[in-house]
Amino acid sequence: MGRCDRGGSGIRAFELTNDDTEPHEFAAIGLADGVDADTVIKDPNSGDRMGGTFLDPGDSFATFVDLEPGRYGLACFLPGTAGTHASEGMAVEMEVG
């Protein structure tokens, strides 16, 4: 489960908790024009990987990130049963105005 709260001046607060029984990755990816979350799911190198963290079951992570206006993908690229967790639905696209 995750949450992203809007702060001032492009600052976002991310609070993540892995309430699953397996490890997960939180990867933040900058999306250029013409690149969307589906493209990055198929090719993780198609976006500008900005950082992230790994969370074991039960772990929590909180941070503040100063994001420039633009589009971003948030995903888990660890292996799943039918590809990566991102290809199984663990990916989201967000826009910072």
PDB file of N, CA and C in Angstrom:
ATOM      1  N   MET A   1       0.849  -1.166   0.000  1.00  0.00           N
ATOM      2  CA  MET A   1       0.000   0.000   0.000  1.00  0.00           C
ATOM      3  C   MET A   1       0.895   1.228   0.000  1.00  0.00           C
ATOM      4  N   GLY A   2       0.535   2.259  -0.723  1.00  0.00           N
ATOM      5  CA  GLY A   2       1.331   3.465  -0.772  1.00  0.00           C
ATOM      6  C   GLY A   2       0.471   4.704  -0.785  1.00  0.00           C
ATOM      7  N   ARG A   3       1.112   5.820  -0.473  1.00  0.00           N
ATOM      8  CA  ARG A   3       0.406   7.091  -0.469  1.00  0.00           C
ATOM      9  C   ARG A   3       1.375   8.170  -0.917  1.00  0.00           C
ATOM     10  N   CYS A   4       0.883   9.113  -1.692  1.00  0.00           N
ATOM     11  CA  CYS A   4       1.674  10.257  -2.135  1.00  0.00           C
ATOM     12  C   CYS A   4       0.873  11.510  -1.842  1.00  0.00           C
ATOM     13  N   ASP A   5       1.371  12.359  -0.956  1.00  0.00           N
ATOM     14  CA  ASP A   5       0.684  13.598  -0.596  1.00  0.00           C
ATOM     15  C   ASP A   5       1.363  14.773  -1.264  1.00  0.00           C
ATOM     16  N   ARG A   6       0.561  15.735  -1.701  1.00  0.00           N
ATOM     17  CA  ARG A   6       1.110  16.929  -2.333  1.00  0.00           C
ATOM     18  C   ARG A   6       1.606  17.875  -1.266  1.00  0.00           C
ATOM     19  N   GLY A   7       2.797  18.380  -1.462  1.00  0.00           N
ATOM     20  CA  GLY A   7       3.357  19.433  -0.630  1.00  0.00           C
ATOM     21  C   GLY A   7       3.542  20.657  -1.508  1.00  0.00           C
ATOM     22  N   GLY A   8       4.183  21.699  -1.020  1.00  0.00           N
ATOM     23  CA  GLY A   8       4.427  22.881  -1.821  1.00  0.00           C
ATOM     24  C   GLY A   8       5.651  22.719  -2.712  1.00  0.00           C
ATOM     25  N   SER A   9       5.755  23.556  -3.736  1.00  0.00           N
ATOM     26  CA  SER A   9       6.934  23.651  -4.599  1.00  0.00           C
ATOM     27  C   SER A   9       7.374  22.335  -5.215  1.00  0.00           C
ATOM     28  N   GLY A  10       6.430  21.475  -5.594  1.00  0.00           N
ATOM     29  CA  GLY A  10       6.791  20.220  -6.246  1.00  0.00           C
ATOM     30  C   GLY A  10       7.219  19.131  -5.288  1.00  0.00           C
ATOM     31  N   ILE A  11       7.229  19.391  -4.007  1.00  0.00           N
ATOM     32  CA  ILE A  11       7.649  18.385  -3.041  1.00  0.00           C
ATOM     33  C   ILE A  11       6.505  17.416  -2.793  1.00  0.00           C
ATOM     34  N   ARG A  12       6.819  16.127  -2.878  1.00  0.00           N
ATOM     35  CA  ARG A  12       5.842  15.074  -2.625  1.00  0.00           C
ATOM     36  C   ARG A  12       6.347  14.206  -1.476  1.00  0.00           C
ATOM     37  N   ALA A  13       5.437  13.828  -0.609  1.00  0.00           N
ATOM     38  CA  ALA A  13       5.754  12.907   0.479  1.00  0.00           C
ATOM     39  C   ALA A  13       5.262  11.527   0.082  1.00  0.00           C
ATOM     40  N   PHE A  14       6.159  10.563   0.056  1.00  0.00           N
ATOM     41  CA  PHE A  14       5.804   9.184  -0.253  1.00  0.00           C
ATOM     42  C   PHE A  14       5.903   8.362   1.022  1.00  0.00           C
ATOM     43  N   GLU A  15       4.852   7.620   1.300  1.00  0.00           N
ATOM     44  CA  GLU A  15       4.837   6.713   2.445  1.00  0.00           C
ATOM     45  C   GLU A  15       4.390   5.354   1.930  1.00  0.00           C
ATOM     46  N   LEU A  16       5.252   4.356   2.071  1.00  0.00           N
ATOM     47  CA  LEU A  16       4.977   3.027   1.534  1.00  0.00           C
ATOM     48  C   LEU A  16       5.071   1.991   2.638  1.00  0.00           C
ATOM     49  N   THR A  17       4.197   1.002   2.588  1.00  0.00           N
ATOM     50  CA  THR A  17       4.264  -0.141   3.483  1.00  0.00           C
ATOM     51  C   THR A  17       4.036  -1.389   2.649  1.00  0.00           C
ATOM     52  N   ASN A  18       4.917  -2.353   2.786  1.00  0.00           N
ATOM     53  CA  ASN A  18       4.750  -3.621   2.093  1.00  0.00           C
ATOM     54  C   ASN A  18       3.955  -4.547   3.011  1.00  0.00           C
ATOM     55  N   ASP A  19       2.649  -4.659   2.751  1.00  0.00           N
ATOM     56  CA  ASP A  19       1.810  -5.533   3.557  1.00  0.00           C
ATOM     57  C   ASP A  19       1.562  -6.871   2.855  1.00  0.00           C
ATOM     58  N   ASP A  20       2.433  -7.199   1.903  1.00  0.00           N
ATOM     59  CA  ASP A  20       2.372  -8.459   1.176  1.00  0.00           C
ATOM     60  C   ASP A  20       3.282  -9.483   1.863  1.00  0.00           C
ATOM     61  N   THR A  21       3.316 -10.690   1.329  1.00  0.00           N
ATOM     62  CA  THR A  21       4.164 -11.750   1.886  1.00  0.00           C
ATOM     63  C   THR A  21       5.466 -11.918   1.121  1.00  0.00           C
ATOM     64  N   GLU A  22       5.694 -11.090   0.105  1.00  0.00           N
ATOM     65  CA  GLU A  22       6.933 -11.157  -0.668  1.00  0.00           C
ATOM     66  C   GLU A  22       7.536  -9.767  -0.823  1.00  0.00           C
ATOM     67  N   PRO A  23       8.839  -9.689  -1.133  1.00  0.00           N
ATOM     68  CA  PRO A  23       9.491  -8.382  -1.307  1.00  0.00           C
ATOM     69  C   PRO A  23       8.923  -7.630  -2.513  1.00  0.00           C
ATOM     70  N   HIS A  24       9.025  -6.297  -2.444  1.00  0.00           N
ATOM     71  CA  HIS A  24       8.621  -5.445  -3.554  1.00  0.00           C
ATOM     72  C   HIS A  24       9.608  -4.305  -3.704  1.00  0.00           C
ATOM     73  N   GLU A  25       9.627  -3.735  -4.902  1.00  0.00           N
ATOM     74  CA  GLU A  25      10.477  -2.606  -5.247  1.00  0.00           C
ATOM     75  C   GLU A  25       9.581  -1.398  -5.502  1.00  0.00           C
ATOM     76  N   PHE A  26      10.045  -0.233  -5.103  1.00  0.00           N
ATOM     77  CA  PHE A  26       9.403   1.025  -5.452  1.00  0.00           C
ATOM     78  C   PHE A  26      10.394   1.760  -6.338  1.00  0.00           C
ATOM     79  N   ALA A  27      10.119   1.788  -7.640  1.00  0.00           N
ATOM     80  CA  ALA A  27      11.002   2.455  -8.595  1.00  0.00           C
ATOM     81  C   ALA A  27      10.297   3.683  -9.148  1.00  0.00           C
ATOM     82  N   ALA A  28      10.972   4.822  -9.115  1.00  0.00           N
ATOM     83  CA  ALA A  28      10.450   6.068  -9.672  1.00  0.00           C
ATOM     84  C   ALA A  28      11.137   6.318 -11.011  1.00  0.00           C
ATOM     85  N   ILE A  29      10.335   6.568 -12.043  1.00  0.00           N
ATOM     86  CA  ILE A  29      10.853   6.704 -13.398  1.00  0.00           C
ATOM     87  C   ILE A  29      10.273   7.950 -14.049  1.00  0.00           C
ATOM     88  N   GLY A  30      11.148   8.820 -14.559  1.00  0.00           N
ATOM     89  CA  GLY A  30      10.699   9.980 -15.326  1.00  0.00           C
ATOM     90  C   GLY A  30      10.272   9.547 -16.713  1.00  0.00           C
ATOM     91  N   LEU A  31       9.118  10.041 -17.165  1.00  0.00           N
ATOM     92  CA  LEU A  31       8.581   9.654 -18.472  1.00  0.00           C
ATOM     93  C   LEU A  31       8.715  10.809 -19.457  1.00  0.00           C
ATOM     94  N   ALA A  32       9.463  10.585 -20.518  1.00  0.00           N
ATOM     95  CA  ALA A  32       9.627  11.585 -21.578  1.00  0.00           C
ATOM     96  C   ALA A  32       8.375  11.608 -22.445  1.00  0.00           C
ATOM     97  N   ASP A  33       8.246  12.645 -23.279  1.00  0.00           N
ATOM     98  CA  ASP A  33       7.135  12.716 -24.229  1.00  0.00           C
ATOM     99  C   ASP A  33       7.119  11.450 -25.075  1.00  0.00           C
ATOM    100  N   GLY A  34       5.946  10.885 -25.257  1.00  0.00           N
ATOM    101  CA  GLY A  34       5.808   9.685 -26.075  1.00  0.00           C
ATOM    102  C   GLY A  34       6.051   8.389 -25.321  1.00  0.00           C
ATOM    103  N   VAL A  35       6.464   8.470 -24.068  1.00  0.00           N
ATOM    104  CA  VAL A  35       6.693   7.279 -23.247  1.00  0.00           C
ATOM    105  C   VAL A  35       5.624   7.264 -22.162  1.00  0.00           C
ATOM    106  N   ASP A  36       4.941   6.116 -22.029  1.00  0.00           N
ATOM    107  CA  ASP A  36       3.936   6.001 -20.985  1.00  0.00           C
ATOM    108  C   ASP A  36       4.282   4.824 -20.076  1.00  0.00           C
ATOM    109  N   ALA A  37       3.467   4.617 -19.057  1.00  0.00           N
ATOM    110  CA  ALA A  37       3.739   3.546 -18.096  1.00  0.00           C
ATOM    111  C   ALA A  37       3.772   2.180 -18.782  1.00  0.00           C
ATOM    112  N   ASP A  38       2.901   1.944 -19.768  1.00  0.00           N
ATOM    113  CA  ASP A  38       2.890   0.656 -20.465  1.00  0.00           C
ATOM    114  C   ASP A  38       4.213   0.409 -21.187  1.00  0.00           C
ATOM    115  N   THR A  39       4.790   1.453 -21.779  1.00  0.00           N
ATOM    116  CA  THR A  39       6.080   1.323 -22.453  1.00  0.00           C
ATOM    117  C   THR A  39       7.160   0.932 -21.458  1.00  0.00           C
ATOM    118  N   VAL A  40       7.164   1.583 -20.298  1.00  0.00           N
ATOM    119  CA  VAL A  40       8.180   1.305 -19.275  1.00  0.00           C
ATOM    120  C   VAL A  40       8.001  -0.095 -18.699  1.00  0.00           C
ATOM    121  N   ILE A  41       6.755  -0.559 -18.558  1.00  0.00           N
ATOM    122  CA  ILE A  41       6.512  -1.913 -18.061  1.00  0.00           C
ATOM    123  C   ILE A  41       7.157  -2.934 -18.998  1.00  0.00           C
ATOM    124  N   LYS A  42       7.035  -2.710 -20.300  1.00  0.00           N
ATOM    125  CA  LYS A  42       7.619  -3.629 -21.285  1.00  0.00           C
ATOM    126  C   LYS A  42       9.132  -3.471 -21.382  1.00  0.00           C
ATOM    127  N   ASP A  43       9.633  -2.257 -21.194  1.00  0.00           N
ATOM    128  CA  ASP A  43      11.066  -1.975 -21.285  1.00  0.00           C
ATOM    129  C   ASP A  43      11.459  -0.991 -20.187  1.00  0.00           C
ATOM    130  N   PRO A  44      11.872  -1.500 -19.002  1.00  0.00           N
ATOM    131  CA  PRO A  44      12.203  -0.613 -17.880  1.00  0.00           C
ATOM    132  C   PRO A  44      13.287   0.421 -18.190  1.00  0.00           C
ATOM    133  N   ASN A  45      14.079   0.195 -19.233  1.00  0.00           N
ATOM    134  CA  ASN A  45      15.136   1.143 -19.594  1.00  0.00           C
ATOM    135  C   ASN A  45      14.632   2.276 -20.487  1.00  0.00           C
ATOM    136  N   SER A  46      13.339   2.285 -20.828  1.00  0.00           N
ATOM    137  CA  SER A  46      12.812   3.318 -21.719  1.00  0.00           C
ATOM    138  C   SER A  46      12.519   4.625 -20.991  1.00  0.00           C
ATOM    139  N   GLY A  47      12.575   4.635 -19.674  1.00  0.00           N
ATOM    140  CA  GLY A  47      12.365   5.851 -18.898  1.00  0.00           C
ATOM    141  C   GLY A  47      13.632   6.238 -18.165  1.00  0.00           C
ATOM    142  N   ASP A  48      13.596   7.389 -17.519  1.00  0.00           N
ATOM    143  CA  ASP A  48      14.736   7.896 -16.753  1.00  0.00           C
ATOM    144  C   ASP A  48      14.584   7.452 -15.302  1.00  0.00           C
ATOM    145  N   ARG A  49      15.260   6.363 -14.948  1.00  0.00           N
ATOM    146  CA  ARG A  49      15.140   5.821 -13.594  1.00  0.00           C
ATOM    147  C   ARG A  49      15.754   6.804 -12.607  1.00  0.00           C
ATOM    148  N   MET A  50      14.938   7.258 -11.654  1.00  0.00           N
ATOM    149  CA  MET A  50      15.346   8.317 -10.737  1.00  0.00           C
ATOM    150  C   MET A  50      15.723   7.806  -9.353  1.00  0.00           C
ATOM    151  N   GLY A  51      15.424   6.569  -9.073  1.00  0.00           N
ATOM    152  CA  GLY A  51      15.729   6.012  -7.763  1.00  0.00           C
ATOM    153  C   GLY A  51      14.613   5.114  -7.294  1.00  0.00           C
ATOM    154  N   GLY A  52      14.743   4.659  -6.083  1.00  0.00           N
ATOM    155  CA  GLY A  52      13.732   3.783  -5.515  1.00  0.00           C
ATOM    156  C   GLY A  52      14.266   3.064  -4.302  1.00  0.00           C
ATOM    157  N   THR A  53      13.526   2.074  -3.871  1.00  0.00           N
ATOM    158  CA  THR A  53      13.918   1.297  -2.702  1.00  0.00           C
ATOM    159  C   THR A  53      13.265  -0.073  -2.776  1.00  0.00           C
ATOM    160  N   PHE A  54      13.807  -1.019  -2.001  1.00  0.00           N
ATOM    161  CA  PHE A  54      13.228  -2.347  -1.868  1.00  0.00           C
ATOM    162  C   PHE A  54      12.598  -2.459  -0.492  1.00  0.00           C
ATOM    163  N   LEU A  55      11.466  -3.143  -0.435  1.00  0.00           N
ATOM    164  CA  LEU A  55      10.761  -3.328   0.826  1.00  0.00           C
ATOM    165  C   LEU A  55      10.490  -4.809   1.048  1.00  0.00           C
ATOM    166  N   ASP A  56      11.025  -5.345   2.142  1.00  0.00           N
ATOM    167  CA  ASP A  56      10.697  -6.709   2.532  1.00  0.00           C
ATOM    168  C   ASP A  56       9.303  -6.715   3.150  1.00  0.00           C
ATOM    169  N   PRO A  57       8.668  -7.876   3.242  1.00  0.00           N
ATOM    170  CA  PRO A  57       7.343  -7.935   3.861  1.00  0.00           C
ATOM    171  C   PRO A  57       7.349  -7.281   5.252  1.00  0.00           C
ATOM    172  N   GLY A  58       6.377  -6.413   5.479  1.00  0.00           N
ATOM    173  CA  GLY A  58       6.259  -5.735   6.766  1.00  0.00           C
ATOM    174  C   GLY A  58       7.051  -4.451   6.880  1.00  0.00           C
ATOM    175  N   ASP A  59       7.965  -4.184   5.936  1.00  0.00           N
ATOM    176  CA  ASP A  59       8.783  -2.960   5.989  1.00  0.00           C
ATOM    177  C   ASP A  59       7.975  -1.740   5.554  1.00  0.00           C
ATOM    178  N   SER A  60       8.373  -0.581   6.074  1.00  0.00           N
ATOM    179  CA  SER A  60       7.793   0.706   5.673  1.00  0.00           C
ATOM    180  C   SER A  60       8.915   1.637   5.260  1.00  0.00           C
ATOM    181  N   PHE A  61       8.573   2.629   4.441  1.00  0.00           N
ATOM    182  CA  PHE A  61       9.546   3.587   3.926  1.00  0.00           C
ATOM    183  C   PHE A  61       8.820   4.909   3.734  1.00  0.00           C
ATOM    184  N   ALA A  62       9.430   5.997   4.154  1.00  0.00           N
ATOM    185  CA  ALA A  62       8.861   7.329   3.955  1.00  0.00           C
ATOM    186  C   ALA A  62       9.962   8.270   3.502  1.00  0.00           C
ATOM    187  N   THR A  63       9.632   9.152   2.554  1.00  0.00           N
ATOM    188  CA  THR A  63      10.613  10.113   2.062  1.00  0.00           C
ATOM    189  C   THR A  63       9.894  11.299   1.429  1.00  0.00           C
ATOM    190  N   PHE A  64      10.613  12.392   1.266  1.00  0.00           N
ATOM    191  CA  PHE A  64      10.135  13.560   0.533  1.00  0.00           C
ATOM    192  C   PHE A  64      10.971  13.680  -0.730  1.00  0.00           C
ATOM    193  N   VAL A  65      10.305  13.955  -1.851  1.00  0.00           N
ATOM    194  CA  VAL A  65      10.989  14.084  -3.133  1.00  0.00           C
ATOM    195  C   VAL A  65      10.527  15.378  -3.785  1.00  0.00           C
ATOM    196  N   ASP A  66      11.482  16.174  -4.277  1.00  0.00           N
ATOM    197  CA  ASP A  66      11.160  17.405  -4.987  1.00  0.00           C
ATOM    198  C   ASP A  66      11.080  17.076  -6.474  1.00  0.00           C
ATOM    199  N   LEU A  67       9.861  16.979  -6.998  1.00  0.00           N
ATOM    200  CA  LEU A  67       9.642  16.594  -8.391  1.00  0.00           C
ATOM    201  C   LEU A  67       9.361  17.810  -9.260  1.00  0.00           C
ATOM    202  N   GLU A  68      10.025  17.863 -10.394  1.00  0.00           N
ATOM    203  CA  GLU A  68       9.760  18.890 -11.403  1.00  0.00           C
ATOM    204  C   GLU A  68       8.433  18.561 -12.077  1.00  0.00           C
ATOM    205  N   PRO A  69       7.758  19.551 -12.653  1.00  0.00           N
ATOM    206  CA  PRO A  69       6.545  19.246 -13.418  1.00  0.00           C
ATOM    207  C   PRO A  69       6.847  18.233 -14.517  1.00  0.00           C
ATOM    208  N   GLY A  70       5.969  17.292 -14.686  1.00  0.00           N
ATOM    209  CA  GLY A  70       6.144  16.256 -15.695  1.00  0.00           C
ATOM    210  C   GLY A  70       5.390  14.997 -15.327  1.00  0.00           C
ATOM    211  N   ARG A  71       5.649  13.949 -16.102  1.00  0.00           N
ATOM    212  CA  ARG A  71       4.986  12.664 -15.866  1.00  0.00           C
ATOM    213  C   ARG A  71       5.987  11.664 -15.307  1.00  0.00           C
ATOM    214  N   TYR A  72       5.493  10.824 -14.402  1.00  0.00           N
ATOM    215  CA  TYR A  72       6.348   9.859 -13.721  1.00  0.00           C
ATOM    216  C   TYR A  72       5.646   8.512 -13.650  1.00  0.00           C
ATOM    217  N   GLY A  73       6.434   7.462 -13.662  1.00  0.00           N
ATOM    218  CA  GLY A  73       5.924   6.119 -13.445  1.00  0.00           C
ATOM    219  C   GLY A  73       6.465   5.605 -12.125  1.00  0.00           C
ATOM    220  N   LEU A  74       5.636   4.876 -11.404  1.00  0.00           N
ATOM    221  CA  LEU A  74       6.028   4.230 -10.152  1.00  0.00           C
ATOM    222  C   LEU A  74       5.720   2.753 -10.332  1.00  0.00           C
ATOM    223  N   ALA A  75       6.716   1.871 -10.111  1.00  0.00           N
ATOM    224  CA  ALA A  75       6.512   0.460 -10.434  1.00  0.00           C
ATOM    225  C   ALA A  75       7.414  -0.448  -9.608  1.00  0.00           C
ATOM    226  N   CYS A  76       7.050  -1.732  -9.611  1.00  0.00           N
ATOM    227  CA  CYS A  76       7.866  -2.797  -9.027  1.00  0.00           C
ATOM    228  C   CYS A  76       8.282  -3.722 -10.162  1.00  0.00           C
ATOM    229  N   PHE A  77       9.591  -3.834 -10.389  1.00  0.00           N
ATOM    230  CA  PHE A  77      10.096  -4.663 -11.479  1.00  0.00           C
ATOM    231  C   PHE A  77      10.648  -6.001 -11.009  1.00  0.00           C
ATOM    232  N   LEU A  78      10.352  -6.402  -9.770  1.00  0.00           N
ATOM    233  CA  LEU A  78      10.785  -7.713  -9.308  1.00  0.00           C
ATOM    234  C   LEU A  78       9.993  -8.799 -10.038  1.00  0.00           C
ATOM    235  N   PRO A  79      10.581  -9.991 -10.190  1.00  0.00           N
ATOM    236  CA  PRO A  79       9.894 -11.064 -10.908  1.00  0.00           C
ATOM    237  C   PRO A  79       8.613 -11.501 -10.199  1.00  0.00           C
ATOM    238  N   GLY A  80       7.586 -11.763 -11.009  1.00  0.00           N
ATOM    239  CA  GLY A  80       6.328 -12.285 -10.505  1.00  0.00           C
ATOM    240  C   GLY A  80       6.041 -13.636 -11.129  1.00  0.00           C
ATOM    241  N   THR A  81       4.807 -14.064 -11.068  1.00  0.00           N
ATOM    242  CA  THR A  81       4.462 -15.380 -11.614  1.00  0.00           C
ATOM    243  C   THR A  81       4.352 -15.374 -13.137  1.00  0.00           C
ATOM    244  N   ALA A  82       4.020 -14.207 -13.726  1.00  0.00           N
ATOM    245  CA  ALA A  82       3.842 -14.139 -15.181  1.00  0.00           C
ATOM    246  C   ALA A  82       4.601 -12.956 -15.771  1.00  0.00           C
ATOM    247  N   GLY A  83       5.798 -12.707 -15.303  1.00  0.00           N
ATOM    248  CA  GLY A  83       6.587 -11.554 -15.742  1.00  0.00           C
ATOM    249  C   GLY A  83       7.054 -10.789 -14.520  1.00  0.00           C
ATOM    250  N   THR A  84       7.050  -9.468 -14.615  1.00  0.00           N
ATOM    251  CA  THR A  84       7.401  -8.645 -13.457  1.00  0.00           C
ATOM    252  C   THR A  84       6.138  -8.257 -12.698  1.00  0.00           C
ATOM    253  N   HIS A  85       6.306  -7.812 -11.463  1.00  0.00           N
ATOM    254  CA  HIS A  85       5.147  -7.320 -10.708  1.00  0.00           C
ATOM    255  C   HIS A  85       4.482  -6.160 -11.455  1.00  0.00           C
ATOM    256  N   ALA A  86       5.280  -5.328 -12.132  1.00  0.00           N
ATOM    257  CA  ALA A  86       4.712  -4.212 -12.910  1.00  0.00           C
ATOM    258  C   ALA A  86       3.789  -4.731 -14.009  1.00  0.00           C
ATOM    259  N   SER A  87       4.200  -5.781 -14.702  1.00  0.00           N
ATOM    260  CA  SER A  87       3.362  -6.335 -15.775  1.00  0.00           C
ATOM    261  C   SER A  87       2.111  -7.001 -15.220  1.00  0.00           C
ATOM    262  N   GLU A  88       2.107  -7.288 -13.918  1.00  0.00           N
ATOM    263  CA  GLU A  88       0.942  -7.890 -13.263  1.00  0.00           C
ATOM    264  C   GLU A  88       0.059  -6.831 -12.597  1.00  0.00           C
ATOM    265  N   GLY A  89       0.352  -5.543 -12.862  1.00  0.00           N
ATOM    266  CA  GLY A  89      -0.504  -4.473 -12.371  1.00  0.00           C
ATOM    267  C   GLY A  89       0.090  -3.590 -11.298  1.00  0.00           C
ATOM    268  N   MET A  90       1.328  -3.844 -10.899  1.00  0.00           N
ATOM    269  CA  MET A  90       1.948  -3.035  -9.859  1.00  0.00           C
ATOM    270  C   MET A  90       2.722  -1.877 -10.473  1.00  0.00           C
ATOM    271  N   ALA A  91       1.983  -1.020 -11.169  1.00  0.00           N
ATOM    272  CA  ALA A  91       2.572   0.166 -11.801  1.00  0.00           C
ATOM    273  C   ALA A  91       1.497   1.237 -11.904  1.00  0.00           C
ATOM    274  N   VAL A  92       1.926   2.461 -11.781  1.00  0.00           N
ATOM    275  CA  VAL A  92       0.993   3.581 -11.879  1.00  0.00           C
ATOM    276  C   VAL A  92       1.725   4.756 -12.521  1.00  0.00           C
ATOM    277  N   GLU A  93       0.990   5.571 -13.239  1.00  0.00           N
ATOM    278  CA  GLU A  93       1.546   6.789 -13.837  1.00  0.00           C
ATOM    279  C   GLU A  93       0.941   7.970 -13.111  1.00  0.00           C
ATOM    280  N   MET A  94       1.761   8.999 -12.832  1.00  0.00           N
ATOM    281  CA  MET A  94       1.245  10.203 -12.205  1.00  0.00           C
ATOM    282  C   MET A  94       1.814  11.425 -12.901  1.00  0.00           C
ATOM    283  N   GLU A  95       1.092  12.527 -12.805  1.00  0.00           N
ATOM    284  CA  GLU A  95       1.538  13.775 -13.416  1.00  0.00           C
ATOM    285  C   GLU A  95       1.672  14.838 -12.340  1.00  0.00           C
ATOM    286  N   VAL A  96       2.797  15.543 -12.377  1.00  0.00           N
ATOM    287  CA  VAL A  96       3.047  16.649 -11.457  1.00  0.00           C
ATOM    288  C   VAL A  96       2.891  17.924 -12.275  1.00  0.00           C
ATOM    289  N   GLY A  97       1.967  18.802 -11.836  1.00  0.00           N
ATOM    290  CA  GLY A  97       1.693  20.032 -12.578  1.00  0.00           C
ATOM    291  C   GLY A  97       2.563  21.183 -12.152  1.00  0.00           C
TER     292      GLY A  97
END
